[in-house]
Amino acid sequence: MTKYVMIYYGHEDPQEDTMDLWGKWFASFEEKIVDWGNPFSKGFEITSNQTSPIKPEDYPATGYSVIETETFAEAEPIAKHCPSPEGLRLYETFIIE
């Protein structure tokens, strides 16, 4: 089994119909969820020289979830049905031994 981190982008004010879409989407793959995740609030870009807030116009990540599937082919359709108009980014994780 492989874990995938789904990183969400974009922001919508929570409306009842939008929350319903997200709830139905999560319910469609609930057995594959390892970590439901959380929304993000403020973001910062940190380098050795400076710390700067990430501005909304810089398209910041807005949250994450972690799923576990047998293959990428199983994870991809889950990501494609995300109700976010901006979609998401899907990252495969691996274990360093």
PDB file of N, CA and C in Angstrom:
ATOM      1  N   MET A   1       0.844  -1.182   0.000  1.00  0.00           N
ATOM      2  CA  MET A   1       0.000   0.000   0.000  1.00  0.00           C
ATOM      3  C   MET A   1       0.890   1.246   0.000  1.00  0.00           C
ATOM      4  N   THR A   2       0.432   2.257  -0.682  1.00  0.00           N
ATOM      5  CA  THR A   2       1.170   3.516  -0.780  1.00  0.00           C
ATOM      6  C   THR A   2       0.321   4.643  -0.227  1.00  0.00           C
ATOM      7  N   LYS A   3       0.963   5.538   0.514  1.00  0.00           N
ATOM      8  CA  LYS A   3       0.271   6.714   1.033  1.00  0.00           C
ATOM      9  C   LYS A   3       0.473   7.873   0.077  1.00  0.00           C
ATOM     10  N   TYR A   4      -0.598   8.646  -0.086  1.00  0.00           N
ATOM     11  CA  TYR A   4      -0.575   9.835  -0.923  1.00  0.00           C
ATOM     12  C   TYR A   4      -1.087  11.012  -0.107  1.00  0.00           C
ATOM     13  N   VAL A   5      -0.380  12.129  -0.222  1.00  0.00           N
ATOM     14  CA  VAL A   5      -0.803  13.361   0.437  1.00  0.00           C
ATOM     15  C   VAL A   5      -1.506  14.210  -0.611  1.00  0.00           C
ATOM     16  N   MET A   6      -2.727  14.610  -0.288  1.00  0.00           N
ATOM     17  CA  MET A   6      -3.481  15.498  -1.168  1.00  0.00           C
ATOM     18  C   MET A   6      -3.381  16.903  -0.586  1.00  0.00           C
ATOM     19  N   ILE A   7      -2.839  17.827  -1.352  1.00  0.00           N
ATOM     20  CA  ILE A   7      -2.698  19.217  -0.926  1.00  0.00           C
ATOM     21  C   ILE A   7      -3.737  20.040  -1.683  1.00  0.00           C
ATOM     22  N   TYR A   8      -4.588  20.735  -0.931  1.00  0.00           N
ATOM     23  CA  TYR A   8      -5.663  21.525  -1.523  1.00  0.00           C
ATOM     24  C   TYR A   8      -5.226  22.975  -1.705  1.00  0.00           C
ATOM     25  N   TYR A   9      -5.790  23.610  -2.729  1.00  0.00           N
ATOM     26  CA  TYR A   9      -5.491  25.008  -3.049  1.00  0.00           C
ATOM     27  C   TYR A   9      -6.793  25.765  -3.254  1.00  0.00           C
ATOM     28  N   GLY A  10      -6.714  27.080  -3.166  1.00  0.00           N
ATOM     29  CA  GLY A  10      -7.888  27.913  -3.380  1.00  0.00           C
ATOM     30  C   GLY A  10      -8.674  28.070  -2.091  1.00  0.00           C
ATOM     31  N   HIS A  11      -9.558  29.032  -2.082  1.00  0.00           N
ATOM     32  CA  HIS A  11     -10.364  29.281  -0.880  1.00  0.00           C
ATOM     33  C   HIS A  11     -11.795  29.573  -1.273  1.00  0.00           C
ATOM     34  N   GLU A  12     -12.694  28.953  -0.561  1.00  0.00           N
ATOM     35  CA  GLU A  12     -14.116  29.223  -0.724  1.00  0.00           C
ATOM     36  C   GLU A  12     -14.679  29.502   0.648  1.00  0.00           C
ATOM     37  N   ASP A  13     -15.585  30.469   0.734  1.00  0.00           N
ATOM     38  CA  ASP A  13     -16.286  30.659   1.994  1.00  0.00           C
ATOM     39  C   ASP A  13     -17.194  29.454   2.198  1.00  0.00           C
ATOM     40  N   PRO A  14     -17.160  28.853   3.386  1.00  0.00           N
ATOM     41  CA  PRO A  14     -17.952  27.643   3.607  1.00  0.00           C
ATOM     42  C   PRO A  14     -19.452  27.915   3.478  1.00  0.00           C
ATOM     43  N   GLN A  15     -20.045  27.341   2.465  1.00  0.00           N
ATOM     44  CA  GLN A  15     -21.488  27.402   2.238  1.00  0.00           C
ATOM     45  C   GLN A  15     -22.035  25.990   2.452  1.00  0.00           C
ATOM     46  N   GLU A  16     -23.293  25.890   2.824  1.00  0.00           N
ATOM     47  CA  GLU A  16     -23.874  24.577   3.114  1.00  0.00           C
ATOM     48  C   GLU A  16     -23.765  23.630   1.923  1.00  0.00           C
ATOM     49  N   ASP A  17     -24.049  24.115   0.706  1.00  0.00           N
ATOM     50  CA  ASP A  17     -23.981  23.236  -0.462  1.00  0.00           C
ATOM     51  C   ASP A  17     -22.545  22.811  -0.761  1.00  0.00           C
ATOM     52  N   THR A  18     -21.597  23.713  -0.560  1.00  0.00           N
ATOM     53  CA  THR A  18     -20.184  23.381  -0.768  1.00  0.00           C
ATOM     54  C   THR A  18     -19.723  22.343   0.254  1.00  0.00           C
ATOM     55  N   MET A  19     -20.085  22.546   1.507  1.00  0.00           N
ATOM     56  CA  MET A  19     -19.702  21.598   2.557  1.00  0.00           C
ATOM     57  C   MET A  19     -20.327  20.226   2.292  1.00  0.00           C
ATOM     58  N   ASP A  20     -21.533  20.205   1.747  1.00  0.00           N
ATOM     59  CA  ASP A  20     -22.194  18.952   1.402  1.00  0.00           C
ATOM     60  C   ASP A  20     -21.414  18.218   0.314  1.00  0.00           C
ATOM     61  N   LEU A  21     -20.938  18.954  -0.703  1.00  0.00           N
ATOM     62  CA  LEU A  21     -20.130  18.339  -1.764  1.00  0.00           C
ATOM     63  C   LEU A  21     -18.856  17.715  -1.204  1.00  0.00           C
ATOM     64  N   TRP A  22     -18.184  18.455  -0.334  1.00  0.00           N
ATOM     65  CA  TRP A  22     -16.956  17.931   0.281  1.00  0.00           C
ATOM     66  C   TRP A  22     -17.263  16.703   1.119  1.00  0.00           C
ATOM     67  N   GLY A  23     -18.337  16.739   1.894  1.00  0.00           N
ATOM     68  CA  GLY A  23     -18.716  15.588   2.725  1.00  0.00           C
ATOM     69  C   GLY A  23     -18.991  14.354   1.893  1.00  0.00           C
ATOM     70  N   LYS A  24     -19.702  14.516   0.784  1.00  0.00           N
ATOM     71  CA  LYS A  24     -19.994  13.383  -0.102  1.00  0.00           C
ATOM     72  C   LYS A  24     -18.712  12.855  -0.744  1.00  0.00           C
ATOM     73  N   TRP A  25     -17.825  13.777  -1.118  1.00  0.00           N
ATOM     74  CA  TRP A  25     -16.566  13.356  -1.731  1.00  0.00           C
ATOM     75  C   TRP A  25     -15.744  12.528  -0.736  1.00  0.00           C
ATOM     76  N   PHE A  26     -15.573  13.034   0.484  1.00  0.00           N
ATOM     77  CA  PHE A  26     -14.824  12.270   1.496  1.00  0.00           C
ATOM     78  C   PHE A  26     -15.483  10.924   1.785  1.00  0.00           C
ATOM     79  N   ALA A  27     -16.798  10.875   1.835  1.00  0.00           N
ATOM     80  CA  ALA A  27     -17.511   9.623   2.107  1.00  0.00           C
ATOM     81  C   ALA A  27     -17.267   8.590   1.006  1.00  0.00           C
ATOM     82  N   SER A  28     -17.001   9.059  -0.224  1.00  0.00           N
ATOM     83  CA  SER A  28     -16.815   8.136  -1.350  1.00  0.00           C
ATOM     84  C   SER A  28     -15.512   7.330  -1.266  1.00  0.00           C
ATOM     85  N   PHE A  29     -14.576   7.751  -0.439  1.00  0.00           N
ATOM     86  CA  PHE A  29     -13.313   7.012  -0.290  1.00  0.00           C
ATOM     87  C   PHE A  29     -12.879   6.929   1.180  1.00  0.00           C
ATOM     88  N   GLU A  30     -13.824   6.997   2.073  1.00  0.00           N
ATOM     89  CA  GLU A  30     -13.558   7.038   3.514  1.00  0.00           C
ATOM     90  C   GLU A  30     -12.642   5.914   3.995  1.00  0.00           C
ATOM     91  N   GLU A  31     -12.792   4.714   3.435  1.00  0.00           N
ATOM     92  CA  GLU A  31     -11.984   3.576   3.881  1.00  0.00           C
ATOM     93  C   GLU A  31     -10.515   3.712   3.499  1.00  0.00           C
ATOM     94  N   LYS A  32     -10.190   4.641   2.626  1.00  0.00           N
ATOM     95  CA  LYS A  32      -8.797   4.856   2.196  1.00  0.00           C
ATOM     96  C   LYS A  32      -8.125   6.019   2.930  1.00  0.00           C
ATOM     97  N   ILE A  33      -8.874   6.717   3.774  1.00  0.00           N
ATOM     98  CA  ILE A  33      -8.321   7.875   4.476  1.00  0.00           C
ATOM     99  C   ILE A  33      -7.473   7.428   5.659  1.00  0.00           C
ATOM    100  N   VAL A  34      -6.223   7.875   5.672  1.00  0.00           N
ATOM    101  CA  VAL A  34      -5.295   7.601   6.768  1.00  0.00           C
ATOM    102  C   VAL A  34      -5.317   8.768   7.752  1.00  0.00           C
ATOM    103  N   ASP A  35      -5.388   9.974   7.209  1.00  0.00           N
ATOM    104  CA  ASP A  35      -5.413  11.205   8.010  1.00  0.00           C
ATOM    105  C   ASP A  35      -6.354  12.169   7.305  1.00  0.00           C
ATOM    106  N   TRP A  36      -7.471  12.504   7.969  1.00  0.00           N
ATOM    107  CA  TRP A  36      -8.450  13.412   7.367  1.00  0.00           C
ATOM    108  C   TRP A  36      -7.820  14.758   7.054  1.00  0.00           C
ATOM    109  N   GLY A  37      -6.763  15.118   7.770  1.00  0.00           N
ATOM    110  CA  GLY A  37      -6.068  16.364   7.530  1.00  0.00           C
ATOM    111  C   GLY A  37      -6.739  17.530   8.223  1.00  0.00           C
ATOM    112  N   ASN A  38      -6.343  18.711   7.811  1.00  0.00           N
ATOM    113  CA  ASN A  38      -6.849  19.957   8.372  1.00  0.00           C
ATOM    114  C   ASN A  38      -6.687  21.061   7.357  1.00  0.00           C
ATOM    115  N   PRO A  39      -7.482  22.112   7.508  1.00  0.00           N
ATOM    116  CA  PRO A  39      -7.233  23.290   6.684  1.00  0.00           C
ATOM    117  C   PRO A  39      -6.024  24.038   7.222  1.00  0.00           C
ATOM    118  N   PHE A  40      -5.396  24.810   6.359  1.00  0.00           N
ATOM    119  CA  PHE A  40      -4.283  25.657   6.770  1.00  0.00           C
ATOM    120  C   PHE A  40      -4.792  27.074   6.981  1.00  0.00           C
ATOM    121  N   SER A  41      -4.132  27.808   7.850  1.00  0.00           N
ATOM    122  CA  SER A  41      -4.425  29.230   7.987  1.00  0.00           C
ATOM    123  C   SER A  41      -3.252  29.991   7.388  1.00  0.00           C
ATOM    124  N   LYS A  42      -2.590  30.780   8.161  1.00  0.00           N
ATOM    125  CA  LYS A  42      -1.465  31.578   7.650  1.00  0.00           C
ATOM    126  C   LYS A  42      -0.323  30.681   7.191  1.00  0.00           C
ATOM    127  N   GLY A  43       0.320  31.086   6.105  1.00  0.00           N
ATOM    128  CA  GLY A  43       1.478  30.369   5.603  1.00  0.00           C
ATOM    129  C   GLY A  43       2.671  31.303   5.518  1.00  0.00           C
ATOM    130  N   PHE A  44       3.850  30.736   5.680  1.00  0.00           N
ATOM    131  CA  PHE A  44       5.074  31.525   5.630  1.00  0.00           C
ATOM    132  C   PHE A  44       6.108  30.811   4.777  1.00  0.00           C
ATOM    133  N   GLU A  45       6.838  31.588   3.994  1.00  0.00           N
ATOM    134  CA  GLU A  45       7.989  31.077   3.267  1.00  0.00           C
ATOM    135  C   GLU A  45       9.212  31.435   4.098  1.00  0.00           C
ATOM    136  N   ILE A  46       9.967  30.406   4.476  1.00  0.00           N
ATOM    137  CA  ILE A  46      11.110  30.616   5.364  1.00  0.00           C
ATOM    138  C   ILE A  46      12.382  30.145   4.671  1.00  0.00           C
ATOM    139  N   THR A  47      13.353  31.041   4.593  1.00  0.00           N
ATOM    140  CA  THR A  47      14.667  30.702   4.076  1.00  0.00           C
ATOM    141  C   THR A  47      15.682  31.022   5.166  1.00  0.00           C
ATOM    142  N   SER A  48      16.944  30.752   4.905  1.00  0.00           N
ATOM    143  CA  SER A  48      17.958  31.071   5.909  1.00  0.00           C
ATOM    144  C   SER A  48      18.108  32.573   6.104  1.00  0.00           C
ATOM    145  N   ASN A  49      17.617  33.372   5.139  1.00  0.00           N
ATOM    146  CA  ASN A  49      17.782  34.822   5.206  1.00  0.00           C
ATOM    147  C   ASN A  49      16.558  35.589   5.677  1.00  0.00           C
ATOM    148  N   GLN A  50      15.363  35.008   5.481  1.00  0.00           N
ATOM    149  CA  GLN A  50      14.165  35.782   5.817  1.00  0.00           C
ATOM    150  C   GLN A  50      12.942  34.894   5.994  1.00  0.00           C
ATOM    151  N   THR A  51      11.932  35.458   6.603  1.00  0.00           N
ATOM    152  CA  THR A  51      10.618  34.845   6.734  1.00  0.00           C
ATOM    153  C   THR A  51       9.600  35.822   6.157  1.00  0.00           C
ATOM    154  N   SER A  52       8.793  35.337   5.212  1.00  0.00           N
ATOM    155  CA  SER A  52       7.798  36.193   4.567  1.00  0.00           C
ATOM    156  C   SER A  52       6.444  35.487   4.582  1.00  0.00           C
ATOM    157  N   PRO A  53       5.365  36.228   4.845  1.00  0.00           N
ATOM    158  CA  PRO A  53       4.038  35.617   4.759  1.00  0.00           C
ATOM    159  C   PRO A  53       3.717  35.256   3.313  1.00  0.00           C
ATOM    160  N   ILE A  54       2.986  34.169   3.121  1.00  0.00           N
ATOM    161  CA  ILE A  54       2.530  33.789   1.789  1.00  0.00           C
ATOM    162  C   ILE A  54       1.220  34.518   1.540  1.00  0.00           C
ATOM    163  N   LYS A  55       1.178  35.321   0.490  1.00  0.00           N
ATOM    164  CA  LYS A  55       0.008  36.144   0.178  1.00  0.00           C
ATOM    165  C   LYS A  55      -1.025  35.323  -0.595  1.00  0.00           C
ATOM    166  N   PRO A  56      -2.301  35.659  -0.456  1.00  0.00           N
ATOM    167  CA  PRO A  56      -3.339  34.933  -1.204  1.00  0.00           C
ATOM    168  C   PRO A  56      -3.094  34.900  -2.711  1.00  0.00           C
ATOM    169  N   GLU A  57      -2.543  35.948  -3.261  1.00  0.00           N
ATOM    170  CA  GLU A  57      -2.285  35.975  -4.701  1.00  0.00           C
ATOM    171  C   GLU A  57      -1.142  35.046  -5.114  1.00  0.00           C
ATOM    172  N   ASP A  58      -0.398  34.511  -4.134  1.00  0.00           N
ATOM    173  CA  ASP A  58       0.677  33.556  -4.422  1.00  0.00           C
ATOM    174  C   ASP A  58       0.169  32.121  -4.450  1.00  0.00           C
ATOM    175  N   TYR A  59      -1.182  31.944  -4.423  1.00  0.00           N
ATOM    176  CA  TYR A  59      -1.826  30.645  -4.545  1.00  0.00           C
ATOM    177  C   TYR A  59      -1.345  29.677  -3.458  1.00  0.00           C
ATOM    178  N   PRO A  60      -1.574  30.023  -2.195  1.00  0.00           N
ATOM    179  CA  PRO A  60      -1.094  29.166  -1.120  1.00  0.00           C
ATOM    180  C   PRO A  60      -1.900  27.872  -0.985  1.00  0.00           C
ATOM    181  N   ALA A  61      -1.261  26.866  -0.419  1.00  0.00           N
ATOM    182  CA  ALA A  61      -1.969  25.634  -0.065  1.00  0.00           C
ATOM    183  C   ALA A  61      -2.960  25.969   1.050  1.00  0.00           C
ATOM    184  N   THR A  62      -4.125  25.333   1.021  1.00  0.00           N
ATOM    185  CA  THR A  62      -5.160  25.636   2.013  1.00  0.00           C
ATOM    186  C   THR A  62      -5.519  24.457   2.908  1.00  0.00           C
ATOM    187  N   GLY A  63      -4.920  23.291   2.671  1.00  0.00           N
ATOM    188  CA  GLY A  63      -5.191  22.141   3.533  1.00  0.00           C
ATOM    189  C   GLY A  63      -4.604  20.872   2.959  1.00  0.00           C
ATOM    190  N   TYR A  64      -4.810  19.774   3.679  1.00  0.00           N
ATOM    191  CA  TYR A  64      -4.262  18.485   3.238  1.00  0.00           C
ATOM    192  C   TYR A  64      -5.109  17.340   3.777  1.00  0.00           C
ATOM    193  N   SER A  65      -4.966  16.186   3.158  1.00  0.00           N
ATOM    194  CA  SER A  65      -5.475  14.901   3.641  1.00  0.00           C
ATOM    195  C   SER A  65      -4.491  13.840   3.180  1.00  0.00           C
ATOM    196  N   VAL A  66      -4.498  12.679   3.837  1.00  0.00           N
ATOM    197  CA  VAL A  66      -3.629  11.572   3.444  1.00  0.00           C
ATOM    198  C   VAL A  66      -4.503  10.345   3.196  1.00  0.00           C
ATOM    199  N   ILE A  67      -4.285   9.713   2.028  1.00  0.00           N
ATOM    200  CA  ILE A  67      -4.998   8.475   1.718  1.00  0.00           C
ATOM    201  C   ILE A  67      -3.989   7.363   1.484  1.00  0.00           C
ATOM    202  N   GLU A  68      -4.466   6.123   1.478  1.00  0.00           N
ATOM    203  CA  GLU A  68      -3.611   4.978   1.210  1.00  0.00           C
ATOM    204  C   GLU A  68      -4.322   4.083   0.207  1.00  0.00           C
ATOM    205  N   THR A  69      -3.644   3.791  -0.905  1.00  0.00           N
ATOM    206  CA  THR A  69      -4.199   2.941  -1.948  1.00  0.00           C
ATOM    207  C   THR A  69      -3.140   1.960  -2.431  1.00  0.00           C
ATOM    208  N   GLU A  70      -3.587   0.987  -3.194  1.00  0.00           N
ATOM    209  CA  GLU A  70      -2.658   0.000  -3.751  1.00  0.00           C
ATOM    210  C   GLU A  70      -1.774   0.610  -4.834  1.00  0.00           C
ATOM    211  N   THR A  71      -2.361   1.479  -5.662  1.00  0.00           N
ATOM    212  CA  THR A  71      -1.638   2.026  -6.809  1.00  0.00           C
ATOM    213  C   THR A  71      -2.024   3.485  -7.041  1.00  0.00           C
ATOM    214  N   PHE A  72      -1.213   4.157  -7.856  1.00  0.00           N
ATOM    215  CA  PHE A  72      -1.549   5.513  -8.274  1.00  0.00           C
ATOM    216  C   PHE A  72      -2.854   5.508  -9.071  1.00  0.00           C
ATOM    217  N   ALA A  73      -3.057   4.477  -9.872  1.00  0.00           N
ATOM    218  CA  ALA A  73      -4.277   4.374 -10.682  1.00  0.00           C
ATOM    219  C   ALA A  73      -5.531   4.355  -9.812  1.00  0.00           C
ATOM    220  N   GLU A  74      -5.414   3.925  -8.581  1.00  0.00           N
ATOM    221  CA  GLU A  74      -6.536   3.944  -7.645  1.00  0.00           C
ATOM    222  C   GLU A  74      -6.665   5.312  -6.968  1.00  0.00           C
ATOM    223  N   ALA A  75      -5.557   6.001  -6.751  1.00  0.00           N
ATOM    224  CA  ALA A  75      -5.571   7.311  -6.082  1.00  0.00           C
ATOM    225  C   ALA A  75      -5.993   8.441  -7.024  1.00  0.00           C
ATOM    226  N   GLU A  76      -5.603   8.346  -8.278  1.00  0.00           N
ATOM    227  CA  GLU A  76      -5.864   9.429  -9.229  1.00  0.00           C
ATOM    228  C   GLU A  76      -7.346   9.781  -9.380  1.00  0.00           C
ATOM    229  N   PRO A  77      -8.256   8.809  -9.546  1.00  0.00           N
ATOM    230  CA  PRO A  77      -9.664   9.186  -9.695  1.00  0.00           C
ATOM    231  C   PRO A  77     -10.247   9.835  -8.439  1.00  0.00           C
ATOM    232  N   ILE A  78      -9.729   9.465  -7.289  1.00  0.00           N
ATOM    233  CA  ILE A  78     -10.174  10.125  -6.048  1.00  0.00           C
ATOM    234  C   ILE A  78      -9.838  11.606  -6.141  1.00  0.00           C
ATOM    235  N   ALA A  79      -8.596  11.897  -6.516  1.00  0.00           N
ATOM    236  CA  ALA A  79      -8.156  13.289  -6.631  1.00  0.00           C
ATOM    237  C   ALA A  79      -8.940  14.039  -7.709  1.00  0.00           C
ATOM    238  N   LYS A  80      -9.227  13.382  -8.818  1.00  0.00           N
ATOM    239  CA  LYS A  80      -9.938  14.038  -9.919  1.00  0.00           C
ATOM    240  C   LYS A  80     -11.351  14.470  -9.537  1.00  0.00           C
ATOM    241  N   HIS A  81     -11.941  13.812  -8.560  1.00  0.00           N
ATOM    242  CA  HIS A  81     -13.307  14.141  -8.159  1.00  0.00           C
ATOM    243  C   HIS A  81     -13.371  15.137  -6.999  1.00  0.00           C
ATOM    244  N   CYS A  82     -12.239  15.700  -6.636  1.00  0.00           N
ATOM    245  CA  CYS A  82     -12.211  16.707  -5.573  1.00  0.00           C
ATOM    246  C   CYS A  82     -13.132  17.864  -5.942  1.00  0.00           C
ATOM    247  N   PRO A  83     -13.991  18.313  -5.014  1.00  0.00           N
ATOM    248  CA  PRO A  83     -14.926  19.387  -5.344  1.00  0.00           C
ATOM    249  C   PRO A  83     -14.312  20.787  -5.434  1.00  0.00           C
ATOM    250  N   SER A  84     -13.038  20.919  -5.130  1.00  0.00           N
ATOM    251  CA  SER A  84     -12.398  22.230  -5.233  1.00  0.00           C
ATOM    252  C   SER A  84     -12.272  22.636  -6.695  1.00  0.00           C
ATOM    253  N   PRO A  85     -12.707  23.843  -7.060  1.00  0.00           N
ATOM    254  CA  PRO A  85     -12.551  24.298  -8.450  1.00  0.00           C
ATOM    255  C   PRO A  85     -11.085  24.342  -8.887  1.00  0.00           C
ATOM    256  N   GLU A  86     -10.180  24.531  -7.933  1.00  0.00           N
ATOM    257  CA  GLU A  86      -8.753  24.592  -8.248  1.00  0.00           C
ATOM    258  C   GLU A  86      -8.111  23.210  -8.267  1.00  0.00           C
ATOM    259  N   GLY A  87      -8.846  22.177  -7.886  1.00  0.00           N
ATOM    260  CA  GLY A  87      -8.285  20.838  -7.826  1.00  0.00           C
ATOM    261  C   GLY A  87      -7.340  20.685  -6.654  1.00  0.00           C
ATOM    262  N   LEU A  88      -6.420  19.772  -6.783  1.00  0.00           N
ATOM    263  CA  LEU A  88      -5.452  19.520  -5.720  1.00  0.00           C
ATOM    264  C   LEU A  88      -4.165  19.006  -6.320  1.00  0.00           C
ATOM    265  N   ARG A  89      -3.157  18.886  -5.483  1.00  0.00           N
ATOM    266  CA  ARG A  89      -1.901  18.250  -5.883  1.00  0.00           C
ATOM    267  C   ARG A  89      -1.771  16.970  -5.085  1.00  0.00           C
ATOM    268  N   LEU A  90      -1.344  15.917  -5.744  1.00  0.00           N
ATOM    269  CA  LEU A  90      -1.235  14.595  -5.137  1.00  0.00           C
ATOM    270  C   LEU A  90       0.234  14.201  -5.100  1.00  0.00           C
ATOM    271  N   TYR A  91       0.729  13.896  -3.918  1.00  0.00           N
ATOM    272  CA  TYR A  91       2.126  13.507  -3.750  1.00  0.00           C
ATOM    273  C   TYR A  91       2.201  12.094  -3.183  1.00  0.00           C
ATOM    274  N   GLU A  92       2.986  11.244  -3.834  1.00  0.00           N
ATOM    275  CA  GLU A  92       3.233   9.901  -3.332  1.00  0.00           C
ATOM    276  C   GLU A  92       4.319   9.972  -2.259  1.00  0.00           C
ATOM    277  N   THR A  93       4.101   9.280  -1.161  1.00  0.00           N
ATOM    278  CA  THR A  93       5.113   9.247  -0.112  1.00  0.00           C
ATOM    279  C   THR A  93       5.905   7.941  -0.232  1.00  0.00           C
ATOM    280  N   PHE A  94       7.050   7.890   0.425  1.00  0.00           N
ATOM    281  CA  PHE A  94       7.824   6.668   0.464  1.00  0.00           C
ATOM    282  C   PHE A  94       8.565   6.589   1.788  1.00  0.00           C
ATOM    283  N   ILE A  95       8.964   5.393   2.123  1.00  0.00           N
ATOM    284  CA  ILE A  95       9.657   5.158   3.389  1.00  0.00           C
ATOM    285  C   ILE A  95      11.149   5.035   3.104  1.00  0.00           C
ATOM    286  N   ILE A  96      11.944   5.780   3.845  1.00  0.00           N
ATOM    287  CA  ILE A  96      13.394   5.690   3.736  1.00  0.00           C
ATOM    288  C   ILE A  96      13.866   4.649   4.755  1.00  0.00           C
ATOM    289  N   GLU A  97      14.543   3.655   4.275  1.00  0.00           N
ATOM    290  CA  GLU A  97      15.028   2.608   5.171  1.00  0.00           C
ATOM    291  C   GLU A  97      16.529   2.638   5.299  1.00  0.00           C
TER     292      GLU A  97
END
